[in-house]
C-alpha cells in the first residue's frame, strides 16, 4: 500500500472522529483506458470535502454530488459504473473506451480502518474482506501484495508495507537514486558508515541515513519481497558485505554498480562467502536498464526503471517492447 492511500485512510478516521459521515470509494474494475487502476481510493465527506482519487478528476464531481444527495451508499455499500455509454464517456471526459467500476462504502466502526492501519504500521500484510450486503469487514493475514478482487458480493483488498529501498553508499549517484525512489513512494535508507559522505543527507526528505555496517543493517531491516537493495560504493568491503546478506533475503531486487567484468568477479567472491550459485545469479549487475546512461541522474533513472520492471513482472531477458498508445479514434455520435 502506498503512502497516498495510507494518508487517505488516516484522513477518513480524522473525519469520522469529528462526527462527519464519510464514504470510501474503491476502484474495483476497469476496462479500456481507465485513468486510475483497481485499488485506487477516494473518500468523500458529507460536506463535499474529498481526499484521494478514483479517476484523476473525470468523475469525482458527479460522485461528490450523488453521495451528498444520499443517492449512493447512504446506509450500505453500493456499486456504480462510469463510462458504459458514449454519452457518459463524453460527459465525464473519460479516455477512449475507458470504463470504471467503483464500490462505495459508508464508513463506520465495523469498517475496521483503524485496526487495518495499525496492522500496516506494524508491517503486517492484511486481507480486508467487505460484505456488500452488510458492510461488515473481516481482517486476516495475507501472503500476497497489493490485490483487489470483486465478485459482486464481496470486495477483497490486500494491504501491506510500503516499498523499501536500501542504498549502500552515500555518494552523488545515491542522492539522485534516493530522490527518484522517494518520488515513486519508496521508503529509502542510505547505508554509509564513512563519515566523509554524511554531509547533506539530513536535508533530503523521506530518506534515512544509517551508519551501521552494511551486513548488520541488511539483517536489522529484515528485508521482504517489497524491498530492493542497490550497492553503489565501488568498495568491495562495503558492497559485498551488503550483497552477501541481501541475496539470501526475499528482496525482489538486488543490484550492484560496476562493469560486467567487475560484477563477474563480485559473483566469484560472493560464492566464497557461502552464497549459493542460485543466490549469486539473482544479482543484477551491471545495475540498471541499458539506456545508454552516462551521468549520475541518467544512471539513477536506469536503476529505478529496472527496479520498476522487475517489480511489475517484466521479463528482462527478452527485448523490451516499446509501448505505443492506441491510435484508435473514438467516434462519439
C-alpha atoms as a PDB file:
ATOM      1  CA  UNK A   1       0.000   0.000   0.000  1.00  0.00           C
ATOM      2  CA  UNK A   2       1.449   3.374  -0.934  1.00  0.00           C
ATOM      3  CA  UNK A   3       1.701   6.411   1.325  1.00  0.00           C
ATOM      4  CA  UNK A   4      -1.066   8.267  -0.524  1.00  0.00           C
ATOM      5  CA  UNK A   5      -3.640   5.552   0.247  1.00  0.00           C
ATOM      6  CA  UNK A   6      -2.463   5.327   3.849  1.00  0.00           C
ATOM      7  CA  UNK A   7      -2.957   9.076   4.186  1.00  0.00           C
ATOM      8  CA  UNK A   8      -6.467   8.750   2.706  1.00  0.00           C
ATOM      9  CA  UNK A   9      -7.355   6.208   5.403  1.00  0.00           C
ATOM     10  CA  UNK A  10      -5.892   8.370   8.162  1.00  0.00           C
ATOM     11  CA  UNK A  11      -7.876  11.332   6.913  1.00  0.00           C
ATOM     12  CA  UNK A  12     -11.058   9.228   6.880  1.00  0.00           C
ATOM     13  CA  UNK A  13     -10.538   8.349  10.543  1.00  0.00           C
ATOM     14  CA  UNK A  14      -9.946  12.004  11.441  1.00  0.00           C
ATOM     15  CA  UNK A  15     -13.208  12.988   9.738  1.00  0.00           C
ATOM     16  CA  UNK A  16     -15.125  10.189  11.452  1.00  0.00           C
ATOM     17  CA  UNK A  17     -13.712  11.218  14.829  1.00  0.00           C
ATOM     18  CA  UNK A  18     -15.097  14.720  14.208  1.00  0.00           C
ATOM     19  CA  UNK A  19     -18.580  13.315  13.580  1.00  0.00           C
ATOM     20  CA  UNK A  20     -18.690  13.509   9.785  1.00  0.00           C
ATOM     21  CA  UNK A  21     -20.329  10.962   7.528  1.00  0.00           C
ATOM     22  CA  UNK A  22     -17.594   9.537   5.303  1.00  0.00           C
ATOM     23  CA  UNK A  23     -17.901   7.354   2.207  1.00  0.00           C
ATOM     24  CA  UNK A  24     -14.979   5.317   0.886  1.00  0.00           C
ATOM     25  CA  UNK A  25     -14.748   4.681  -2.862  1.00  0.00           C
ATOM     26  CA  UNK A  26     -12.554   1.875  -4.230  1.00  0.00           C
ATOM     27  CA  UNK A  27     -11.898   1.236  -7.921  1.00  0.00           C
ATOM     28  CA  UNK A  28     -12.636  -2.477  -8.380  1.00  0.00           C
ATOM     29  CA  UNK A  29     -12.657  -2.940 -12.162  1.00  0.00           C
ATOM     30  CA  UNK A  30     -11.559  -1.012 -15.220  1.00  0.00           C
ATOM     31  CA  UNK A  31     -11.989  -1.547 -18.946  1.00  0.00           C
ATOM     32  CA  UNK A  32     -10.142   0.211 -21.744  1.00  0.00           C
ATOM     33  CA  UNK A  33      -8.073   3.305 -20.998  1.00  0.00           C
ATOM     34  CA  UNK A  34      -9.159   3.840 -17.394  1.00  0.00           C
ATOM     35  CA  UNK A  35      -7.419   6.768 -15.646  1.00  0.00           C
ATOM     36  CA  UNK A  36      -6.781   5.002 -12.300  1.00  0.00           C
ATOM     37  CA  UNK A  37      -6.022   1.318 -11.613  1.00  0.00           C
ATOM     38  CA  UNK A  38      -8.057  -1.070  -9.430  1.00  0.00           C
ATOM     39  CA  UNK A  39      -7.411  -0.448  -5.755  1.00  0.00           C
ATOM     40  CA  UNK A  40      -7.336   3.355  -6.086  1.00  0.00           C
ATOM     41  CA  UNK A  41      -9.079   5.023  -3.140  1.00  0.00           C
ATOM     42  CA  UNK A  42     -11.107   8.163  -2.552  1.00  0.00           C
ATOM     43  CA  UNK A  43     -13.053   9.382   0.478  1.00  0.00           C
ATOM     44  CA  UNK A  44     -16.000  11.785   0.345  1.00  0.00           C
ATOM     45  CA  UNK A  45     -17.154  13.753   3.393  1.00  0.00           C
ATOM     46  CA  UNK A  46     -20.777  14.725   3.961  1.00  0.00           C
ATOM     47  CA  UNK A  47     -19.972  18.389   3.234  1.00  0.00           C
ATOM     48  CA  UNK A  48     -18.252  17.594  -0.075  1.00  0.00           C
ATOM     49  CA  UNK A  49     -14.620  17.519   1.067  1.00  0.00           C
ATOM     50  CA  UNK A  50     -12.586  14.769  -0.608  1.00  0.00           C
ATOM     51  CA  UNK A  51      -9.212  13.061  -0.392  1.00  0.00           C
ATOM     52  CA  UNK A  52      -7.677  10.633  -2.853  1.00  0.00           C
ATOM     53  CA  UNK A  53      -8.878   9.975  -6.390  1.00  0.00           C
ATOM     54  CA  UNK A  54     -10.639   7.287  -8.408  1.00  0.00           C
ATOM     55  CA  UNK A  55     -10.321   8.846 -11.844  1.00  0.00           C
ATOM     56  CA  UNK A  56      -7.859  11.710 -11.776  1.00  0.00           C
ATOM     57  CA  UNK A  57     -10.730  14.228 -11.870  1.00  0.00           C
ATOM     58  CA  UNK A  58     -13.055  12.795 -14.529  1.00  0.00           C
ATOM     59  CA  UNK A  59     -15.928  11.582 -12.352  1.00  0.00           C
ATOM     60  CA  UNK A  60     -15.181  12.958  -8.880  1.00  0.00           C
ATOM     61  CA  UNK A  61     -17.595  15.900  -9.092  1.00  0.00           C
ATOM     62  CA  UNK A  62     -20.508  13.658 -10.040  1.00  0.00           C
ATOM     63  CA  UNK A  63     -19.681  11.203  -7.254  1.00  0.00           C
ATOM     64  CA  UNK A  64     -19.492  14.007  -4.681  1.00  0.00           C
ATOM     65  CA  UNK A  65     -22.901  15.342  -5.704  1.00  0.00           C
ATOM     66  CA  UNK A  66     -24.576  11.917  -5.681  1.00  0.00           C
ATOM     67  CA  UNK A  67     -23.117  10.984  -2.291  1.00  0.00           C
ATOM     68  CA  UNK A  68     -24.048  14.361  -0.806  1.00  0.00           C
ATOM     69  CA  UNK A  69     -27.650  13.927  -2.019  1.00  0.00           C
ATOM     70  CA  UNK A  70     -27.783  10.492  -0.408  1.00  0.00           C
ATOM     71  CA  UNK A  71     -28.233   8.732  -3.746  1.00  0.00           C
ATOM     72  CA  UNK A  72     -25.258   6.423  -3.214  1.00  0.00           C
ATOM     73  CA  UNK A  73     -24.078   4.345  -0.246  1.00  0.00           C
ATOM     74  CA  UNK A  74     -26.089   6.222   2.354  1.00  0.00           C
ATOM     75  CA  UNK A  75     -26.573   3.224   4.645  1.00  0.00           C
ATOM     76  CA  UNK A  76     -24.917   0.278   2.912  1.00  0.00           C
ATOM     77  CA  UNK A  77     -22.260  -0.295   0.231  1.00  0.00           C
ATOM     78  CA  UNK A  78     -23.193   0.152  -3.412  1.00  0.00           C
ATOM     79  CA  UNK A  79     -21.586  -0.307  -6.815  1.00  0.00           C
ATOM     80  CA  UNK A  80     -21.556   2.342  -9.522  1.00  0.00           C
ATOM     81  CA  UNK A  81     -20.040   2.283 -13.007  1.00  0.00           C
ATOM     82  CA  UNK A  82     -18.957   5.166 -15.241  1.00  0.00           C
ATOM     83  CA  UNK A  83     -18.266   5.070 -18.968  1.00  0.00           C
ATOM     84  CA  UNK A  84     -20.784   2.439 -20.033  1.00  0.00           C
ATOM     85  CA  UNK A  85     -22.144   4.603 -22.836  1.00  0.00           C
ATOM     86  CA  UNK A  86     -20.691   7.048 -25.357  1.00  0.00           C
ATOM     87  CA  UNK A  87     -22.716   9.815 -23.679  1.00  0.00           C
ATOM     88  CA  UNK A  88     -21.068   9.089 -20.327  1.00  0.00           C
ATOM     89  CA  UNK A  89     -17.613   8.989 -21.899  1.00  0.00           C
ATOM     90  CA  UNK A  90     -18.260  12.410 -23.467  1.00  0.00           C
ATOM     91  CA  UNK A  91     -19.868  13.875 -20.334  1.00  0.00           C
ATOM     92  CA  UNK A  92     -17.131  12.834 -17.904  1.00  0.00           C
ATOM     93  CA  UNK A  93     -14.170  13.201 -20.232  1.00  0.00           C
ATOM     94  CA  UNK A  94     -13.052   9.613 -19.778  1.00  0.00           C
ATOM     95  CA  UNK A  95     -10.294   8.318 -22.091  1.00  0.00           C
ATOM     96  CA  UNK A  96     -11.356   6.483 -25.216  1.00  0.00           C
ATOM     97  CA  UNK A  97     -13.068   3.244 -24.228  1.00  0.00           C
ATOM     98  CA  UNK A  98     -12.499   3.907 -20.529  1.00  0.00           C
ATOM     99  CA  UNK A  99     -14.927   2.363 -18.040  1.00  0.00           C
ATOM    100  CA  UNK A 100     -14.538   2.466 -14.252  1.00  0.00           C
ATOM    101  CA  UNK A 101     -16.450   0.442 -11.651  1.00  0.00           C
ATOM    102  CA  UNK A 102     -16.373   1.696  -8.070  1.00  0.00           C
ATOM    103  CA  UNK A 103     -17.559   0.246  -4.775  1.00  0.00           C
ATOM    104  CA  UNK A 104     -18.799   2.958  -2.410  1.00  0.00           C
ATOM    105  CA  UNK A 105     -18.802   2.110   1.283  1.00  0.00           C
ATOM    106  CA  UNK A 106     -20.254   4.202   4.160  1.00  0.00           C
ATOM    107  CA  UNK A 107     -17.589   4.036   6.848  1.00  0.00           C
ATOM    108  CA  UNK A 108     -18.357   3.052  10.433  1.00  0.00           C
ATOM    109  CA  UNK A 109     -16.540   1.330  13.336  1.00  0.00           C
ATOM    110  CA  UNK A 110     -17.269  -2.061  11.757  1.00  0.00           C
ATOM    111  CA  UNK A 111     -15.246  -0.939   8.691  1.00  0.00           C
ATOM    112  CA  UNK A 112     -12.125  -1.622  10.803  1.00  0.00           C
ATOM    113  CA  UNK A 113      -9.983   1.068   9.177  1.00  0.00           C
ATOM    114  CA  UNK A 114      -8.267   1.848  12.466  1.00  0.00           C
ATOM    115  CA  UNK A 115      -7.330  -1.789  13.006  1.00  0.00           C
ATOM    116  CA  UNK A 116      -6.137  -2.052   9.397  1.00  0.00           C
ATOM    117  CA  UNK A 117      -3.814   0.930   9.769  1.00  0.00           C
ATOM    118  CA  UNK A 118      -2.348  -0.489  12.973  1.00  0.00           C
ATOM    119  CA  UNK A 119      -1.522  -3.729  11.162  1.00  0.00           C
ATOM    120  CA  UNK A 120       0.033  -1.873   8.209  1.00  0.00           C
ATOM    121  CA  UNK A 121       2.177   0.274  10.504  1.00  0.00           C
ATOM    122  CA  UNK A 122       3.430  -2.939  12.127  1.00  0.00           C
ATOM    123  CA  UNK A 123       4.467  -4.067   8.617  1.00  0.00           C
ATOM    124  CA  UNK A 124       1.898  -6.858   8.520  1.00  0.00           C
ATOM    125  CA  UNK A 125       0.253  -7.883   5.247  1.00  0.00           C
ATOM    126  CA  UNK A 126      -3.516  -7.920   5.701  1.00  0.00           C
ATOM    127  CA  UNK A 127      -6.536  -9.003   3.698  1.00  0.00           C
ATOM    128  CA  UNK A 128      -9.652  -6.867   4.157  1.00  0.00           C
ATOM    129  CA  UNK A 129     -12.883  -8.598   3.129  1.00  0.00           C
ATOM    130  CA  UNK A 130     -16.032  -6.463   2.984  1.00  0.00           C
ATOM    131  CA  UNK A 131     -19.559  -7.896   2.595  1.00  0.00           C
ATOM    132  CA  UNK A 132     -21.615  -5.666   0.289  1.00  0.00           C
ATOM    133  CA  UNK A 133     -24.924  -6.746   1.828  1.00  0.00           C
ATOM    134  CA  UNK A 134     -23.995  -5.786   5.382  1.00  0.00           C
ATOM    135  CA  UNK A 135     -20.875  -3.636   5.134  1.00  0.00           C
ATOM    136  CA  UNK A 136     -19.232  -5.870   7.718  1.00  0.00           C
ATOM    137  CA  UNK A 137     -15.467  -6.268   7.394  1.00  0.00           C
ATOM    138  CA  UNK A 138     -13.153  -9.130   8.293  1.00  0.00           C
ATOM    139  CA  UNK A 139      -9.374  -8.708   8.565  1.00  0.00           C
ATOM    140  CA  UNK A 140      -6.997 -11.634   8.292  1.00  0.00           C
ATOM    141  CA  UNK A 141      -3.328 -12.245   7.474  1.00  0.00           C
ATOM    142  CA  UNK A 142      -2.408 -12.320   3.789  1.00  0.00           C
ATOM    143  CA  UNK A 143       0.611 -13.554   1.856  1.00  0.00           C
ATOM    144  CA  UNK A 144       0.141 -11.590  -1.363  1.00  0.00           C
ATOM    145  CA  UNK A 145       0.984  -7.997  -2.178  1.00  0.00           C
ATOM    146  CA  UNK A 146      -1.478  -5.321  -3.307  1.00  0.00           C
ATOM    147  CA  UNK A 147      -4.501  -7.055  -4.839  1.00  0.00           C
ATOM    148  CA  UNK A 148      -8.177  -6.329  -5.478  1.00  0.00           C
ATOM    149  CA  UNK A 149     -10.886  -8.897  -6.182  1.00  0.00           C
ATOM    150  CA  UNK A 150     -14.596  -8.238  -6.500  1.00  0.00           C
ATOM    151  CA  UNK A 151     -17.256 -10.872  -7.204  1.00  0.00           C
ATOM    152  CA  UNK A 152     -20.343  -8.703  -6.812  1.00  0.00           C
ATOM    153  CA  UNK A 153     -20.945  -9.695  -3.194  1.00  0.00           C
ATOM    154  CA  UNK A 154     -17.558  -9.285  -1.523  1.00  0.00           C
ATOM    155  CA  UNK A 155     -14.745  -6.779  -2.013  1.00  0.00           C
ATOM    156  CA  UNK A 156     -11.365  -8.195  -1.047  1.00  0.00           C
ATOM    157  CA  UNK A 157      -8.312  -5.958  -0.872  1.00  0.00           C
ATOM    158  CA  UNK A 158      -4.833  -6.910   0.287  1.00  0.00           C
ATOM    159  CA  UNK A 159      -2.754  -4.273   2.016  1.00  0.00           C
ATOM    160  CA  UNK A 160       0.855  -4.400   3.069  1.00  0.00           C
ATOM    161  CA  UNK A 161       4.021  -2.494   3.850  1.00  0.00           C
ATOM    162  CA  UNK A 162       5.333   0.173   1.535  1.00  0.00           C
ATOM    163  CA  UNK A 163       8.203  -0.470  -0.827  1.00  0.00           C
ATOM    164  CA  UNK A 164      11.645  -0.078   0.716  1.00  0.00           C
ATOM    165  CA  UNK A 165      14.986   0.711  -0.910  1.00  0.00           C
ATOM    166  CA  UNK A 166      18.343   0.241   0.789  1.00  0.00           C
ATOM    167  CA  UNK A 167      21.199   2.087  -0.929  1.00  0.00           C
ATOM    168  CA  UNK A 168      24.747   1.124   0.028  1.00  0.00           C
ATOM    169  CA  UNK A 169      26.887   4.235  -0.246  1.00  0.00           C
ATOM    170  CA  UNK A 170      26.214   7.938   0.152  1.00  0.00           C
ATOM    171  CA  UNK A 171      27.869   9.453  -2.915  1.00  0.00           C
ATOM    172  CA  UNK A 172      26.449  11.643  -5.672  1.00  0.00           C
ATOM    173  CA  UNK A 173      24.680   8.844  -7.529  1.00  0.00           C
ATOM    174  CA  UNK A 174      22.976   7.770  -4.302  1.00  0.00           C
ATOM    175  CA  UNK A 175      21.391  11.201  -3.884  1.00  0.00           C
ATOM    176  CA  UNK A 176      19.763  11.076  -7.315  1.00  0.00           C
ATOM    177  CA  UNK A 177      18.699   7.466  -6.794  1.00  0.00           C
ATOM    178  CA  UNK A 178      17.214   8.244  -3.378  1.00  0.00           C
ATOM    179  CA  UNK A 179      15.326  11.289  -4.670  1.00  0.00           C
ATOM    180  CA  UNK A 180      13.798   9.378  -7.594  1.00  0.00           C
ATOM    181  CA  UNK A 181      12.836   6.440  -5.379  1.00  0.00           C
ATOM    182  CA  UNK A 182      11.107   8.726  -2.881  1.00  0.00           C
ATOM    183  CA  UNK A 183       9.071  10.227  -5.728  1.00  0.00           C
ATOM    184  CA  UNK A 184       7.642   6.795  -6.569  1.00  0.00           C
ATOM    185  CA  UNK A 185       6.868   6.058  -2.918  1.00  0.00           C
ATOM    186  CA  UNK A 186       9.818   4.051  -1.637  1.00  0.00           C
ATOM    187  CA  UNK A 187      10.950   4.352   1.962  1.00  0.00           C
ATOM    188  CA  UNK A 188      14.666   4.945   1.401  1.00  0.00           C
ATOM    189  CA  UNK A 189      17.533   4.077   3.726  1.00  0.00           C
ATOM    190  CA  UNK A 190      21.096   5.011   2.828  1.00  0.00           C
ATOM    191  CA  UNK A 191      23.840   2.946   4.480  1.00  0.00           C
ATOM    192  CA  UNK A 192      27.029   4.962   4.802  1.00  0.00           C
ATOM    193  CA  UNK A 193      29.481   4.187   7.633  1.00  0.00           C
ATOM    194  CA  UNK A 194      32.079   6.582   6.152  1.00  0.00           C
ATOM    195  CA  UNK A 195      31.701   9.973   7.853  1.00  0.00           C
ATOM    196  CA  UNK A 196      33.063  11.931   4.882  1.00  0.00           C
ATOM    197  CA  UNK A 197      29.861  11.152   2.952  1.00  0.00           C
ATOM    198  CA  UNK A 198      27.375  12.229   5.638  1.00  0.00           C
ATOM    199  CA  UNK A 199      27.026  15.900   4.711  1.00  0.00           C
ATOM    200  CA  UNK A 200      23.609  16.987   3.417  1.00  0.00           C
ATOM    201  CA  UNK A 201      21.594  13.788   3.890  1.00  0.00           C
ATOM    202  CA  UNK A 202      19.522  15.310   6.673  1.00  0.00           C
ATOM    203  CA  UNK A 203      18.193  17.831   4.129  1.00  0.00           C
ATOM    204  CA  UNK A 204      16.744  15.170   1.827  1.00  0.00           C
ATOM    205  CA  UNK A 205      13.138  14.450   2.897  1.00  0.00           C
ATOM    206  CA  UNK A 206      11.955  10.858   3.031  1.00  0.00           C
ATOM    207  CA  UNK A 207      15.477   9.415   3.369  1.00  0.00           C
ATOM    208  CA  UNK A 208      17.065   7.859   6.462  1.00  0.00           C
ATOM    209  CA  UNK A 209      20.849   7.766   6.855  1.00  0.00           C
ATOM    210  CA  UNK A 210      22.308   4.770   8.717  1.00  0.00           C
ATOM    211  CA  UNK A 211      25.927   4.469   9.867  1.00  0.00           C
ATOM    212  CA  UNK A 212      25.717   0.735  10.579  1.00  0.00           C
ATOM    213  CA  UNK A 213      27.923  -1.654   8.654  1.00  0.00           C
ATOM    214  CA  UNK A 214      26.052  -2.902   5.554  1.00  0.00           C
ATOM    215  CA  UNK A 215      25.691  -6.550   6.583  1.00  0.00           C
ATOM    216  CA  UNK A 216      24.396  -5.571  10.028  1.00  0.00           C
ATOM    217  CA  UNK A 217      21.889  -3.155   8.504  1.00  0.00           C
ATOM    218  CA  UNK A 218      20.566  -5.712   5.986  1.00  0.00           C
ATOM    219  CA  UNK A 219      19.903  -8.133   8.832  1.00  0.00           C
ATOM    220  CA  UNK A 220      18.349  -5.431  11.027  1.00  0.00           C
ATOM    221  CA  UNK A 221      15.948  -4.292   8.271  1.00  0.00           C
ATOM    222  CA  UNK A 222      14.504  -7.799   7.866  1.00  0.00           C
ATOM    223  CA  UNK A 223      14.065  -7.272   4.111  1.00  0.00           C
ATOM    224  CA  UNK A 224      10.937  -8.727   2.492  1.00  0.00           C
ATOM    225  CA  UNK A 225       9.671  -9.108  -1.077  1.00  0.00           C
ATOM    226  CA  UNK A 226       8.721  -5.397  -1.086  1.00  0.00           C
ATOM    227  CA  UNK A 227      12.395  -4.486  -0.619  1.00  0.00           C
ATOM    228  CA  UNK A 228      15.210  -3.562  -3.013  1.00  0.00           C
ATOM    229  CA  UNK A 229      18.950  -3.200  -2.400  1.00  0.00           C
ATOM    230  CA  UNK A 230      21.411  -1.317  -4.595  1.00  0.00           C
ATOM    231  CA  UNK A 231      25.157  -1.211  -3.840  1.00  0.00           C
ATOM    232  CA  UNK A 232      26.990   1.736  -5.423  1.00  0.00           C
ATOM    233  CA  UNK A 233      30.165   2.392  -3.396  1.00  0.00           C
ATOM    234  CA  UNK A 234      32.660   0.593  -5.736  1.00  0.00           C
ATOM    235  CA  UNK A 235      34.245  -0.602  -2.470  1.00  0.00           C
ATOM    236  CA  UNK A 236      34.011  -4.413  -2.164  1.00  0.00           C
ATOM    237  CA  UNK A 237      34.494  -4.174   1.596  1.00  0.00           C
ATOM    238  CA  UNK A 238      31.118  -2.397   1.806  1.00  0.00           C
ATOM    239  CA  UNK A 239      29.191  -3.566  -1.258  1.00  0.00           C
ATOM    240  CA  UNK A 240      29.982  -7.253  -0.839  1.00  0.00           C
ATOM    241  CA  UNK A 241      29.038  -7.217   2.846  1.00  0.00           C
ATOM    242  CA  UNK A 242      25.576  -5.961   1.938  1.00  0.00           C
ATOM    243  CA  UNK A 243      25.131  -8.223  -1.079  1.00  0.00           C
ATOM    244  CA  UNK A 244      26.109 -11.461   0.669  1.00  0.00           C
ATOM    245  CA  UNK A 245      23.254 -10.934   3.133  1.00  0.00           C
ATOM    246  CA  UNK A 246      20.756  -9.275   0.763  1.00  0.00           C
ATOM    247  CA  UNK A 247      20.894 -12.133  -1.752  1.00  0.00           C
ATOM    248  CA  UNK A 248      19.670 -14.500   0.976  1.00  0.00           C
ATOM    249  CA  UNK A 249      16.554 -12.417   1.605  1.00  0.00           C
ATOM    250  CA  UNK A 250      13.258 -12.323  -0.341  1.00  0.00           C
ATOM    251  CA  UNK A 251      14.134  -8.829  -1.670  1.00  0.00           C
ATOM    252  CA  UNK A 252      12.690  -8.524  -5.190  1.00  0.00           C
ATOM    253  CA  UNK A 253      15.742  -6.623  -6.456  1.00  0.00           C
ATOM    254  CA  UNK A 254      19.431  -6.766  -5.515  1.00  0.00           C
ATOM    255  CA  UNK A 255      21.833  -4.856  -7.738  1.00  0.00           C
ATOM    256  CA  UNK A 256      25.366  -3.524  -7.808  1.00  0.00           C
ATOM    257  CA  UNK A 257      27.106  -0.814  -9.805  1.00  0.00           C
ATOM    258  CA  UNK A 258      30.117  -1.746 -11.936  1.00  0.00           C
ATOM    259  CA  UNK A 259      31.156  -3.243 -15.253  1.00  0.00           C
ATOM    260  CA  UNK A 260      30.313  -6.749 -16.420  1.00  0.00           C
ATOM    261  CA  UNK A 261      33.872  -7.808 -15.607  1.00  0.00           C
ATOM    262  CA  UNK A 262      33.732  -6.365 -12.086  1.00  0.00           C
ATOM    263  CA  UNK A 263      30.365  -7.973 -11.403  1.00  0.00           C
ATOM    264  CA  UNK A 264      31.616 -11.346 -12.644  1.00  0.00           C
ATOM    265  CA  UNK A 265      34.490 -11.056 -10.158  1.00  0.00           C
ATOM    266  CA  UNK A 266      31.990  -9.974  -7.490  1.00  0.00           C
ATOM    267  CA  UNK A 267      29.904 -13.107  -8.024  1.00  0.00           C
ATOM    268  CA  UNK A 268      33.035 -15.232  -7.670  1.00  0.00           C
ATOM    269  CA  UNK A 269      33.827 -13.524  -4.353  1.00  0.00           C
ATOM    270  CA  UNK A 270      30.274 -13.976  -3.100  1.00  0.00           C
ATOM    271  CA  UNK A 271      30.462 -17.709  -3.736  1.00  0.00           C
ATOM    272  CA  UNK A 272      33.372 -17.802  -1.279  1.00  0.00           C
ATOM    273  CA  UNK A 273      31.121 -16.327   1.416  1.00  0.00           C
ATOM    274  CA  UNK A 274      28.637 -19.232   1.416  1.00  0.00           C
ATOM    275  CA  UNK A 275      26.377 -17.505  -1.116  1.00  0.00           C
ATOM    276  CA  UNK A 276      24.897 -20.221  -3.318  1.00  0.00           C
ATOM    277  CA  UNK A 277      25.207 -20.151  -7.104  1.00  0.00           C
ATOM    278  CA  UNK A 278      21.447 -19.655  -7.337  1.00  0.00           C
ATOM    279  CA  UNK A 279      21.577 -16.695  -4.942  1.00  0.00           C
ATOM    280  CA  UNK A 280      24.549 -15.143  -6.753  1.00  0.00           C
ATOM    281  CA  UNK A 281      22.674 -15.426 -10.060  1.00  0.00           C
ATOM    282  CA  UNK A 282      19.974 -13.119  -8.643  1.00  0.00           C
ATOM    283  CA  UNK A 283      22.419 -10.211  -8.580  1.00  0.00           C
ATOM    284  CA  UNK A 284      21.581  -7.504 -11.116  1.00  0.00           C
ATOM    285  CA  UNK A 285      24.926  -6.269 -12.279  1.00  0.00           C
ATOM    286  CA  UNK A 286      25.793  -4.133 -14.087  1.00  0.00           C
ATOM    287  CA  UNK A 287      22.832  -2.482 -12.414  1.00  0.00           C
ATOM    288  CA  UNK A 288      20.120  -0.650 -14.391  1.00  0.00           C
ATOM    289  CA  UNK A 289      18.455  -0.971 -17.777  1.00  0.00           C
ATOM    290  CA  UNK A 290      20.674  -0.404 -20.807  1.00  0.00           C
ATOM    291  CA  UNK A 291      19.591   3.119 -21.687  1.00  0.00           C
ATOM    292  CA  UNK A 292      22.976   4.496 -22.673  1.00  0.00           C
ATOM    293  CA  UNK A 293      23.072   6.349 -19.333  1.00  0.00           C
ATOM    294  CA  UNK A 294      26.266   8.307 -18.611  1.00  0.00           C
ATOM    295  CA  UNK A 295      25.571  10.947 -15.965  1.00  0.00           C
ATOM    296  CA  UNK A 296      24.590  10.190 -12.335  1.00  0.00           C
ATOM    297  CA  UNK A 297      20.934  11.263 -12.883  1.00  0.00           C
ATOM    298  CA  UNK A 298      20.696   9.097 -16.008  1.00  0.00           C
ATOM    299  CA  UNK A 299      22.222   6.101 -14.231  1.00  0.00           C
ATOM    300  CA  UNK A 300      19.836   6.588 -11.306  1.00  0.00           C
ATOM    301  CA  UNK A 301      16.917   6.693 -13.745  1.00  0.00           C
ATOM    302  CA  UNK A 302      18.064   3.438 -15.373  1.00  0.00           C
ATOM    303  CA  UNK A 303      18.255   1.748 -11.955  1.00  0.00           C
ATOM    304  CA  UNK A 304      14.783   2.895 -10.929  1.00  0.00           C
ATOM    305  CA  UNK A 305      13.466   1.771 -14.326  1.00  0.00           C
ATOM    306  CA  UNK A 306      14.927  -1.708 -13.861  1.00  0.00           C
ATOM    307  CA  UNK A 307      13.547  -1.942 -10.321  1.00  0.00           C
ATOM    308  CA  UNK A 308      10.117  -0.979 -11.632  1.00  0.00           C
ATOM    309  CA  UNK A 309      10.266  -3.517 -14.444  1.00  0.00           C
ATOM    310  CA  UNK A 310      11.181  -6.325 -12.067  1.00  0.00           C
ATOM    311  CA  UNK A 311       8.509  -5.344  -9.566  1.00  0.00           C
ATOM    312  CA  UNK A 312       5.914  -5.356 -12.353  1.00  0.00           C
ATOM    313  CA  UNK A 313       6.997  -8.789 -13.558  1.00  0.00           C
ATOM    314  CA  UNK A 314       8.581  -7.730 -16.843  1.00  0.00           C
ATOM    315  CA  UNK A 315      10.793 -10.433 -18.351  1.00  0.00           C
ATOM    316  CA  UNK A 316      14.093  -8.581 -18.693  1.00  0.00           C
ATOM    317  CA  UNK A 317      15.695 -11.498 -20.528  1.00  0.00           C
ATOM    318  CA  UNK A 318      13.609 -10.521 -23.557  1.00  0.00           C
ATOM    319  CA  UNK A 319      13.948  -7.329 -25.631  1.00  0.00           C
ATOM    320  CA  UNK A 320      11.784  -4.593 -24.198  1.00  0.00           C
ATOM    321  CA  UNK A 321       8.781  -3.874 -26.401  1.00  0.00           C
ATOM    322  CA  UNK A 322       8.070  -0.240 -26.974  1.00  0.00           C
ATOM    323  CA  UNK A 323       4.631   0.693 -25.651  1.00  0.00           C
ATOM    324  CA  UNK A 324       2.534   2.774 -28.012  1.00  0.00           C
ATOM    325  CA  UNK A 325      -0.725   4.456 -27.231  1.00  0.00           C
ATOM    326  CA  UNK A 326      -3.693   3.229 -29.223  1.00  0.00           C
ATOM    327  CA  UNK A 327      -4.305   5.240 -32.346  1.00  0.00           C
ATOM    328  CA  UNK A 328      -7.949   4.256 -32.352  1.00  0.00           C
ATOM    329  CA  UNK A 329     -10.165   7.298 -32.546  1.00  0.00           C
ATOM    330  CA  UNK A 330     -13.425   7.275 -30.633  1.00  0.00           C
ATOM    331  CA  UNK A 331     -16.312   8.494 -32.751  1.00  0.00           C
ATOM    332  CA  UNK A 332     -18.780   9.740 -30.208  1.00  0.00           C
ATOM    333  CA  UNK A 333     -22.024  10.324 -32.003  1.00  0.00           C
END
